[in-house]
């Protein structure tokens, strides 16, 4: 694969320019690039296809860097097999019941691609499009700006949606994602990123020994198709209580109806802080063996915690190792699933003249 340094080489120690490489070609002839940026002790590789986080490398307590995100080594695998590994999700992250919603008296029908429901924007969501990518520097930070215009009616959604997403590595090595969108017609928007994490290193086995703490006293129970019932249920006394740090796998085998529905945990947690104008800390994940710690701060009111329940061992990732159930987790900061059909949930409606904004920051350290 050819490569070039798109920003003129390293500007200072630990802060390097963006490197672009050819990553293959789609069947229609569209070229796909891989961009790599580095800052502090963090290195990030992103594909123009789907805005995919293909690799996120952070050090352990001994300074040894490893990729902690699941993914593939080639484009064909992303096209054929990917369960949203590392992808930008839109227009609507998570599920919409029966693939339909009504807005201002008009009912919109979306593709049904997850049982009876629409998931992650439909069968050709933002994760399956090529984005324009441009590197940037801002002070001591380096990053990539991804842009895409989603036309009116794409996947059934109303309005032409103009989207910008900034992936930034700060001088401290934090990974920050800023989302922004505008529309020319009333629509619904819920953007997120679907990176699968294993802080012991991609392909290293189960994440059930990771310790997780989430500042959420409630979660949204679901029906058997994983659509929220509308209740904001207390986590107390359930496997969903992560208010104090505990191992991800500690209660995951409990015979709780919600765990049975999800074949593990695949639920939206209602963050205690609600919607905020600036990112606030909401959760911490610790991997005891490597000492890696990831803290997440967000402006969003919810986070979908998913324990890799549907990783079946059907394919291998970037390490060449097979991914099986429980070999990763995802923490998708978001508004709640099915909000367009749940008036009591925070609204996801975006109107002309408004700007959708959302920010999530992943901070890394060791202990």
Protein backbone atom coordinates (compact mmCIF):
# COMPACT_ATOMS: atom_id res chain seq x y z
CA UNK A 1 0.00 0.00 0.00
CA UNK A 2 1.29 3.44 -0.87
CA UNK A 3 1.54 6.04 1.84
CA UNK A 4 2.27 9.71 2.31
CA UNK A 5 2.63 12.10 5.20
CA UNK A 6 -0.24 14.52 4.63
CA UNK A 7 0.95 17.14 7.09
CA UNK A 8 4.65 17.29 6.46
CA UNK A 9 6.16 14.94 9.03
CA UNK A 10 6.61 15.10 12.78
CA UNK A 11 6.24 18.56 14.29
CA UNK A 12 7.50 17.61 17.76
CA UNK A 13 8.26 14.56 19.87
CA UNK A 14 5.16 12.41 20.28
CA UNK A 15 3.14 14.54 17.86
CA UNK A 16 3.23 13.35 14.27
CA UNK A 17 1.56 14.37 11.05
CA UNK A 18 -1.28 12.37 9.52
CA UNK A 19 -0.19 9.51 7.28
CA UNK A 20 -2.51 8.42 4.47
CA UNK A 21 -2.36 4.92 2.95
CA UNK A 22 -4.37 3.16 0.25
CA UNK A 23 -6.65 0.59 1.90
CA UNK A 24 -8.36 -0.91 -1.11
CA UNK A 25 -11.20 -0.25 -3.53
CA UNK A 26 -14.93 -0.91 -3.30
CA UNK A 27 -16.70 -2.85 -6.05
CA UNK A 28 -17.92 0.38 -7.62
CA UNK A 29 -14.34 1.59 -7.95
CA UNK A 30 -14.35 4.00 -5.00
CA UNK A 31 -10.95 4.19 -3.34
CA UNK A 32 -10.68 3.81 0.45
CA UNK A 33 -7.89 5.34 2.52
CA UNK A 34 -6.50 4.64 5.95
CA UNK A 35 -5.35 7.66 7.93
CA UNK A 36 -3.06 7.35 10.96
CA UNK A 37 -2.42 10.06 13.53
CA UNK A 38 -0.39 9.98 16.73
CA UNK A 39 -0.18 12.23 19.78
CA UNK A 40 1.11 11.69 23.28
CA UNK A 41 1.24 7.92 23.66
CA UNK A 42 -1.87 7.24 21.56
CA UNK A 43 -1.97 6.18 17.90
CA UNK A 44 -5.22 6.10 15.91
CA UNK A 45 -5.93 4.64 12.46
CA UNK A 46 -9.20 5.55 10.72
CA UNK A 47 -10.72 4.41 7.42
CA UNK A 48 -12.54 6.73 5.05
CA UNK A 49 -14.99 3.83 4.65
CA UNK A 50 -17.55 4.24 7.41
CA UNK A 51 -15.28 6.52 9.44
CA UNK A 52 -14.09 3.25 10.96
CA UNK A 53 -11.66 3.28 13.90
CA UNK A 54 -9.51 0.44 12.56
CA UNK A 55 -6.88 0.59 15.29
CA UNK A 56 -6.44 2.45 18.57
CA UNK A 57 -3.09 1.84 20.23
CA UNK A 58 -2.45 2.80 23.85
CA UNK A 59 0.31 1.74 26.30
CA UNK A 60 0.05 -0.59 29.26
CA UNK A 61 1.62 0.09 32.67
CA UNK A 62 5.02 -0.92 31.26
CA UNK A 63 4.72 1.45 28.30
CA UNK A 64 4.05 -1.33 25.79
CA UNK A 65 1.54 -0.17 23.21
CA UNK A 66 -1.21 -2.45 21.89
CA UNK A 67 -4.28 -2.09 19.72
CA UNK A 68 -7.35 -2.15 21.98
CA UNK A 69 -10.05 -1.95 19.27
CA UNK A 70 -11.45 -4.86 17.26
CA UNK A 71 -11.32 -4.71 13.49
CA UNK A 72 -10.05 -6.23 10.26
CA UNK A 73 -6.81 -6.05 8.28
CA UNK A 74 -8.51 -5.65 4.88
CA UNK A 75 -11.40 -3.76 3.30
CA UNK A 76 -13.24 -6.81 1.97
CA UNK A 77 -13.75 -8.10 5.52
CA UNK A 78 -15.31 -4.81 6.60
CA UNK A 79 -17.70 -4.88 3.65
CA UNK A 80 -18.64 -8.54 4.05
CA UNK A 81 -18.48 -9.30 7.77
CA UNK A 82 -18.30 -6.30 10.03
CA UNK A 83 -20.75 -6.00 12.96
CA UNK A 84 -20.11 -2.22 12.92
CA UNK A 85 -16.50 -2.55 14.14
CA UNK A 86 -15.29 0.98 14.91
CA UNK A 87 -17.87 2.60 12.64
CA UNK A 88 -19.56 5.99 12.61
CA UNK A 89 -23.26 5.27 13.11
CA UNK A 90 -26.09 7.30 11.58
CA UNK A 91 -28.48 8.67 10.89
CA UNK A 92 -29.84 7.01 13.97
CA UNK A 93 -27.69 5.00 16.34
CA UNK A 94 -29.46 2.02 17.90
CA UNK A 95 -32.96 0.69 17.19
CA UNK A 96 -36.18 2.24 15.93
CA UNK A 97 -39.25 0.04 16.48
CA UNK A 98 -40.74 -1.50 13.34
CA UNK A 99 -38.53 0.79 11.28
CA UNK A 100 -41.03 3.63 11.41
CA UNK A 101 -41.63 6.96 13.14
CA UNK A 102 -44.01 9.90 12.75
CA UNK A 103 -42.74 13.48 12.67
CA UNK A 104 -44.98 16.54 12.21
CA UNK A 105 -47.84 14.31 11.09
CA UNK A 106 -45.88 12.39 8.44
CA UNK A 107 -44.88 8.75 8.93
CA UNK A 108 -41.49 7.69 7.61
CA UNK A 109 -40.63 4.08 6.81
CA UNK A 110 -37.03 2.94 7.29
CA UNK A 111 -35.33 -0.31 6.26
CA UNK A 112 -35.96 -3.16 8.69
CA UNK A 113 -32.59 -4.84 9.24
CA UNK A 114 -32.70 -6.19 12.81
CA UNK A 115 -35.64 -8.52 13.29
CA UNK A 116 -38.73 -6.31 13.01
CA UNK A 117 -36.74 -3.12 13.70
CA UNK A 118 -34.35 -0.69 12.04
CA UNK A 119 -30.83 -0.68 13.49
CA UNK A 120 -28.02 1.89 13.13
CA UNK A 121 -29.56 3.84 10.26
CA UNK A 122 -30.69 0.90 8.12
CA UNK A 123 -28.99 -1.61 5.86
CA UNK A 124 -26.78 1.08 4.29
CA UNK A 125 -26.19 3.49 7.13
CA UNK A 126 -23.32 5.93 7.54
CA UNK A 127 -21.02 3.00 8.34
CA UNK A 128 -21.23 1.79 4.72
CA UNK A 129 -20.38 5.05 2.94
CA UNK A 130 -17.03 6.62 2.11
CA UNK A 131 -16.43 9.91 3.93
CA UNK A 132 -14.15 12.75 2.89
CA UNK A 133 -11.22 13.05 5.31
CA UNK A 134 -8.96 16.00 5.97
CA UNK A 135 -6.19 16.14 8.61
CA UNK A 136 -5.86 19.14 10.92
CA UNK A 137 -3.77 20.56 13.72
CA UNK A 138 -5.09 22.82 16.43
CA UNK A 139 -2.51 23.94 18.93
CA UNK A 140 -1.00 20.78 20.41
CA UNK A 141 -3.86 18.61 19.12
CA UNK A 142 -3.94 16.62 15.88
CA UNK A 143 -6.96 15.17 14.19
CA UNK A 144 -9.07 14.19 11.22
CA UNK A 145 -12.21 15.92 9.97
CA UNK A 146 -14.71 13.60 8.28
CA UNK A 147 -17.54 15.01 6.19
CA UNK A 148 -20.55 13.59 4.40
CA UNK A 149 -23.85 14.88 3.00
CA UNK A 150 -26.74 12.44 3.44
CA UNK A 151 -29.41 13.24 0.81
CA UNK A 152 -33.09 13.73 1.56
CA UNK A 153 -34.78 10.33 1.73
CA UNK A 154 -31.63 8.27 2.26
CA UNK A 155 -32.68 5.11 4.12
CA UNK A 156 -36.13 6.73 4.43
CA UNK A 157 -34.99 9.66 6.60
CA UNK A 158 -36.26 13.13 5.71
CA UNK A 159 -34.01 16.11 5.02
CA UNK A 160 -30.59 16.64 3.51
CA UNK A 161 -28.26 16.16 6.47
CA UNK A 162 -24.81 17.77 6.33
CA UNK A 163 -22.50 16.02 8.79
CA UNK A 164 -19.05 16.81 10.17
CA UNK A 165 -17.20 14.59 12.62
CA UNK A 166 -13.82 15.48 14.15
CA UNK A 167 -11.59 12.72 15.52
CA UNK A 168 -8.98 14.42 17.71
CA UNK A 169 -5.97 13.15 19.62
CA UNK A 170 -5.05 15.67 22.29
CA UNK A 171 -1.55 16.31 23.57
CA UNK A 172 -2.41 14.10 26.56
CA UNK A 173 -3.36 11.25 24.20
CA UNK A 174 -7.12 11.56 24.74
CA UNK A 175 -9.36 10.46 21.87
CA UNK A 176 -12.11 13.04 21.36
CA UNK A 177 -15.06 12.79 18.95
CA UNK A 178 -17.08 15.90 18.04
CA UNK A 179 -20.23 15.46 15.95
CA UNK A 180 -22.05 18.26 14.15
CA UNK A 181 -25.00 18.18 11.73
CA UNK A 182 -27.53 20.49 10.07
CA UNK A 183 -30.64 19.75 8.03
CA UNK A 184 -32.90 21.48 5.51
CA UNK A 185 -36.00 19.60 6.72
CA UNK A 186 -37.16 18.35 10.11
CA UNK A 187 -35.57 14.96 10.82
CA UNK A 188 -34.23 12.78 13.63
CA UNK A 189 -30.51 12.37 14.37
CA UNK A 190 -28.57 10.22 16.83
CA UNK A 191 -24.90 9.86 15.90
CA UNK A 192 -22.41 7.65 17.72
CA UNK A 193 -19.30 5.54 17.29
CA UNK A 194 -19.32 1.74 17.57
CA UNK A 195 -15.76 0.85 18.56
CA UNK A 196 -15.44 -2.55 20.22
CA UNK A 197 -12.85 -2.43 23.01
CA UNK A 198 -10.63 -4.94 24.74
CA UNK A 199 -8.16 -3.08 26.96
CA UNK A 200 -5.98 -6.19 27.29
CA UNK A 201 -5.44 -5.97 23.53
CA UNK A 202 -7.51 -6.93 20.52
CA UNK A 203 -7.79 -10.69 20.12
CA UNK A 204 -6.59 -11.42 23.67
CA UNK A 205 -9.79 -13.15 24.84
CA UNK A 206 -12.68 -12.32 27.14
CA UNK A 207 -13.35 -8.87 28.59
CA UNK A 208 -15.37 -10.28 31.49
CA UNK A 209 -12.50 -9.54 33.89
CA UNK A 210 -12.47 -5.81 33.04
CA UNK A 211 -13.88 -3.66 35.82
CA UNK A 212 -16.55 -1.12 34.86
CA UNK A 213 -18.17 1.75 36.74
CA UNK A 214 -21.07 3.75 35.22
CA UNK A 215 -22.74 6.78 36.83
CA UNK A 216 -26.25 5.56 36.01
CA UNK A 217 -28.94 4.68 38.56
CA UNK A 218 -31.42 3.71 35.82
CA UNK A 219 -31.50 1.88 32.51
CA UNK A 220 -34.09 1.31 29.79
CA UNK A 221 -35.49 -2.26 29.86
CA UNK A 222 -36.37 -3.77 26.48
CA UNK A 223 -38.83 -6.20 24.96
CA UNK A 224 -37.74 -9.42 23.29
CA UNK A 225 -36.83 -7.51 20.10
CA UNK A 226 -34.58 -5.17 22.17
CA UNK A 227 -36.86 -2.12 21.85
CA UNK A 228 -37.23 -0.06 25.08
CA UNK A 229 -40.51 -0.51 26.91
CA UNK A 230 -40.48 3.17 27.92
CA UNK A 231 -39.68 2.46 31.56
CA UNK A 232 -36.63 3.99 33.24
CA UNK A 233 -35.94 1.15 35.65
CA UNK A 234 -33.64 1.23 38.67
CA UNK A 235 -30.40 -0.72 38.31
CA UNK A 236 -30.35 -1.51 42.03
CA UNK A 237 -30.57 -5.24 42.65
CA UNK A 238 -30.03 -6.15 38.99
CA UNK A 239 -27.06 -7.23 36.83
CA UNK A 240 -27.14 -3.66 35.44
CA UNK A 241 -25.87 -2.05 38.63
CA UNK A 242 -22.42 -0.68 37.81
CA UNK A 243 -22.62 2.31 40.15
CA UNK A 244 -19.67 0.80 41.98
CA UNK A 245 -16.92 -0.77 39.89
CA UNK A 246 -17.34 -4.49 39.28
CA UNK A 247 -16.20 -7.07 36.77
CA UNK A 248 -18.16 -6.96 33.52
CA UNK A 249 -18.77 -10.70 33.71
CA UNK A 250 -19.73 -10.90 37.39
CA UNK A 251 -23.50 -11.01 36.89
CA UNK A 252 -23.72 -11.68 33.17
CA UNK A 253 -24.81 -15.31 33.62
CA UNK A 254 -27.71 -14.43 35.92
CA UNK A 255 -31.13 -15.70 34.87
CA UNK A 256 -32.53 -12.18 34.60
CA UNK A 257 -35.10 -11.66 31.84
CA UNK A 258 -33.32 -8.60 30.46
CA UNK A 259 -30.00 -10.50 30.27
CA UNK A 260 -31.81 -13.33 28.47
CA UNK A 261 -33.28 -10.91 25.95
CA UNK A 262 -29.87 -9.42 25.20
CA UNK A 263 -27.92 -12.70 25.48
CA UNK A 264 -25.80 -10.63 27.83
CA UNK A 265 -25.95 -6.88 28.29
CA UNK A 266 -27.09 -4.83 25.28
CA UNK A 267 -28.88 -1.97 27.01
CA UNK A 268 -29.03 1.80 27.24
CA UNK A 269 -27.94 3.22 30.58
CA UNK A 270 -29.61 6.48 31.65
CA UNK A 271 -26.72 8.65 32.76
CA UNK A 272 -27.32 10.50 36.02
CA UNK A 273 -26.01 13.78 34.60
CA UNK A 274 -28.51 13.99 31.70
CA UNK A 275 -27.72 16.15 28.67
CA UNK A 276 -24.86 18.61 29.26
CA UNK A 277 -23.34 21.38 27.16
CA UNK A 278 -19.83 20.09 27.85
CA UNK A 279 -18.57 16.52 28.24
CA UNK A 280 -18.82 15.24 31.80
CA UNK A 281 -17.23 12.07 33.17
CA UNK A 282 -19.69 9.16 33.20
CA UNK A 283 -17.75 5.89 33.31
CA UNK A 284 -14.42 4.19 33.93
CA UNK A 285 -13.13 0.84 32.63
CA UNK A 286 -10.04 -0.83 34.09
CA UNK A 287 -8.18 -3.90 32.81
CA UNK A 288 -6.26 -5.33 35.78
CA UNK A 289 -3.53 -7.29 33.98
CA UNK A 290 -2.31 -4.54 31.65
CA UNK A 291 -3.23 -1.71 34.02
CA UNK A 292 -4.95 0.17 31.18
CA UNK A 293 -7.74 2.54 32.21
CA UNK A 294 -10.26 4.23 29.93
CA UNK A 295 -12.47 7.05 31.19
CA UNK A 296 -15.32 8.42 29.11
CA UNK A 297 -16.85 11.88 29.32
CA UNK A 298 -19.80 12.90 27.14
CA UNK A 299 -22.51 15.46 26.52
CA UNK A 300 -25.01 12.67 25.82
CA UNK A 301 -27.76 11.47 28.21
CA UNK A 302 -27.21 7.75 27.61
CA UNK A 303 -24.69 5.06 26.80
CA UNK A 304 -25.42 1.70 25.18
CA UNK A 305 -23.32 -0.91 26.95
CA UNK A 306 -22.89 -4.00 24.80
CA UNK A 307 -20.88 -7.04 25.91
CA UNK A 308 -20.06 -8.52 22.50
CA UNK A 309 -22.88 -11.05 22.79
CA UNK A 310 -23.18 -11.72 19.06
CA UNK A 311 -19.50 -12.31 18.31
CA UNK A 312 -19.76 -15.90 17.11
CA UNK A 313 -16.24 -16.94 16.19
CA UNK A 314 -17.14 -16.72 12.50
CA UNK A 315 -14.18 -14.50 11.55
CA UNK A 316 -10.74 -13.36 12.67
CA UNK A 317 -9.57 -9.81 13.30
CA UNK A 318 -6.45 -7.74 12.75
CA UNK A 319 -4.35 -10.00 15.00
CA UNK A 320 -5.43 -13.09 13.09
CA UNK A 321 -7.24 -14.35 16.18
CA UNK A 322 -10.91 -15.35 16.18
CA UNK A 323 -13.43 -13.14 18.01
CA UNK A 324 -15.87 -15.00 20.24
CA UNK A 325 -18.73 -14.01 22.53
CA UNK A 326 -17.53 -11.65 25.25
CA UNK A 327 -14.22 -10.82 23.60
CA UNK A 328 -15.03 -7.09 23.52
CA UNK A 329 -17.42 -4.46 24.78
CA UNK A 330 -18.88 -1.33 23.20
CA UNK A 331 -19.89 1.87 25.00
CA UNK A 332 -21.93 3.91 22.53
CA UNK A 333 -22.70 7.36 23.92
CA UNK A 334 -26.10 8.38 22.58
CA UNK A 335 -29.65 9.56 22.99
CA UNK A 336 -31.96 6.70 23.88
CA UNK A 337 -33.03 3.94 21.46
CA UNK A 338 -36.41 4.42 19.75
CA UNK A 339 -36.70 8.01 20.97
CA UNK A 340 -38.75 9.07 17.89
CA UNK A 341 -41.49 6.72 19.16
CA UNK A 342 -41.05 7.45 22.88
CA UNK A 343 -42.29 10.98 23.74
CA UNK A 344 -40.99 10.71 27.32
CA UNK A 345 -37.38 10.19 26.12
CA UNK A 346 -35.07 13.13 25.30
CA UNK A 347 -35.91 14.36 21.82
CA UNK A 348 -33.73 13.52 18.81
CA UNK A 349 -35.57 15.90 16.44
CA UNK A 350 -33.40 18.32 14.46
CA UNK A 351 -34.99 21.22 12.55
CA UNK A 352 -33.71 23.67 9.96
CA UNK A 353 -31.74 26.47 11.59
CA UNK A 354 -30.61 24.21 14.44
CA UNK A 355 -27.22 22.50 14.76
CA UNK A 356 -26.85 19.03 16.21
CA UNK A 357 -23.78 18.84 18.44
CA UNK A 358 -22.40 15.98 20.51
CA UNK A 359 -19.01 15.32 22.08
CA UNK A 360 -17.43 12.26 23.67
CA UNK A 361 -13.89 12.07 25.11
CA UNK A 362 -11.97 8.87 25.82
CA UNK A 363 -9.10 9.43 28.25
CA UNK A 364 -6.41 6.80 28.83
CA UNK A 365 -4.07 6.12 31.72
CA UNK A 366 -2.56 3.20 33.63
CA UNK A 367 -2.53 2.00 37.20
